[in-house]
Amino acid sequence: MSKVKSLLYNEDTGTYNSLDDSTCVFCGDTFHDEYDRNNPEPLASEGYCCTKCNYEKVIPARLEEIKKNA
């Protein structure tokens, strides 16, 4: 039986990235170590994002949600 991979569309690059535990769901970069994995909510509901994408994409999105709900 073959394993089906989940994919996530990356709007920045126009490509699909695999949702596995070793790559960022946004940029597809491989994690440098166990501390490089971050929760990508609210932009993605599965997988992990790298620290760079966390600072550049996820945190601003979270702050926008807080502003909208305030």
Protein backbone atom coordinates (compact mmCIF):
# COMPACT_ATOMS: atom_id res chain seq x y z
CA MET A 1 0.00 0.00 0.00
CA SER A 2 1.44 3.41 -0.97
CA LYS A 3 1.50 6.30 1.44
CA VAL A 4 -0.46 9.37 0.32
CA LYS A 5 1.27 12.66 1.10
CA SER A 6 -0.69 15.72 2.12
CA LEU A 7 0.20 18.84 0.16
CA LEU A 8 -0.12 22.53 0.96
CA TYR A 9 -0.19 25.23 -1.73
CA ASN A 10 2.49 27.91 -1.27
CA GLU A 11 1.11 31.19 -2.67
CA ASP A 12 4.56 32.84 -2.61
CA THR A 13 6.17 30.30 -4.91
CA GLY A 14 3.10 28.88 -6.68
CA THR A 15 4.08 25.36 -5.71
CA TYR A 16 2.78 22.59 -3.48
CA ASN A 17 4.80 21.56 -0.44
CA SER A 18 4.65 18.27 1.38
CA LEU A 19 3.22 18.37 4.88
CA ASP A 20 5.75 16.30 6.73
CA ASP A 21 7.60 16.91 9.97
CA SER A 22 10.89 17.90 8.34
CA THR A 23 9.92 20.84 6.11
CA CYS A 24 8.22 24.22 6.50
CA VAL A 25 4.67 24.28 5.15
CA PHE A 26 5.23 27.76 3.66
CA CYS A 27 8.71 27.85 2.12
CA GLY A 28 9.56 24.14 2.03
CA ASP A 29 12.89 24.61 3.80
CA THR A 30 14.18 21.74 5.89
CA PHE A 31 14.24 22.42 9.63
CA HIS A 32 17.68 23.06 11.08
CA ASP A 33 16.95 21.46 14.43
CA GLU A 34 14.09 20.49 16.72
CA TYR A 35 13.70 24.08 17.94
CA ASP A 36 13.08 25.46 14.42
CA ARG A 37 9.51 24.05 14.25
CA ASN A 38 6.68 26.47 14.95
CA ASN A 39 2.90 26.27 14.94
CA PRO A 40 1.66 27.79 11.64
CA GLU A 41 -1.87 28.66 12.89
CA PRO A 42 -3.83 30.65 11.72
CA LEU A 43 -2.34 30.37 8.22
CA ALA A 44 -2.14 26.56 8.12
CA SER A 45 -3.83 23.94 10.25
CA GLU A 46 -1.30 21.14 9.75
CA GLY A 47 2.45 20.76 9.78
CA TYR A 48 5.07 23.18 11.06
CA CYS A 49 6.71 26.36 9.86
CA CYS A 50 10.31 27.50 10.15
CA THR A 51 11.34 30.34 12.43
CA LYS A 52 11.78 32.75 9.50
CA CYS A 53 8.23 32.15 8.22
CA ASN A 54 6.93 32.30 11.78
CA TYR A 55 8.36 35.84 12.19
CA GLU A 56 7.50 37.03 8.68
CA LYS A 57 4.07 35.43 8.14
CA VAL A 58 2.49 33.76 11.15
CA ILE A 59 3.07 36.35 13.87
CA PRO A 60 1.81 39.26 11.70
CA ALA A 61 -1.29 37.20 10.82
CA ARG A 62 -1.93 36.51 14.50
CA LEU A 63 -1.56 40.20 15.34
CA GLU A 64 -4.05 41.07 12.59
CA GLU A 65 -6.54 38.60 14.05
CA ILE A 66 -6.14 40.19 17.48
CA LYS A 67 -6.76 43.65 16.00
CA LYS A 68 -9.88 42.43 14.19
CA ASN A 69 -11.28 40.78 17.32
CA ALA A 70 -10.49 43.67 19.68
